[in-house]
Amino acid sequence: MKIITRILDVLCKVFKWITALILAAMLVASVAEIIRRYIMGHSFVWADEFVRYCIVAVAFLGGSVAYREAGGLVSFDMVQTHIYGKIRVVLELLINTIVLVFSCYIFYNSIQNLQLPSIFRQISIGLGISMAIPYLPITIGMGMLILLALEKYYTIFCNCRSGAYNKHPAKPEEGGTDA
């Protein structure tokens, strides 16, 4: 399992770098579009479309990686931090199962959509690319989320076996840890 964890660590770092590069490209395109539109009175045909596609890519690629990080995504953190024992294990298993089922559903449907001629052959107006390219981050992000949800089952079972869920969660101090 350590090899799989290392592979997922590398994949998460790659996804973070890709997400950062997409955000940077989005920023450059947005600033260039603002300058060109409001100062020069002209507009790039492709800029708005490019930014929209980048938002989708950041949401699905970055969101999948954020699921692995503690506190990376909005979850039942408020509830989870105040319970312990078997109830917490059941809650974490339930949340992870819901995430896994939803991810599998979206992953399957995104693959079906990518194979449709109406998506694959359609060309975007502004960028002139196949519409399969903007849809691809959805499939990749959901595939990664499936892998990370499966890994989380292993983490939950290891924590359960080690007794980590039997300890009462410590109350965080205001102003930081161990202030």
Foldseek 3Di string as FASTA:
>chain_A
DVVLVVVLVVLLVVLVVVLVVLVVVLVVLVVVQCCCCVVVVDGQLQSVVSNVLSVLLNCLSVVLSLVLDVVSDDDVVVVLLQAFDPVNLVVLVVVLVVLLVVLVVQLVVLVVVLPDCVQQVDADDRPRHGNSVSSVSSNVSSVSSNSSSVVVVVVSVVCVVVCVRVDGRDDADPPGHPD
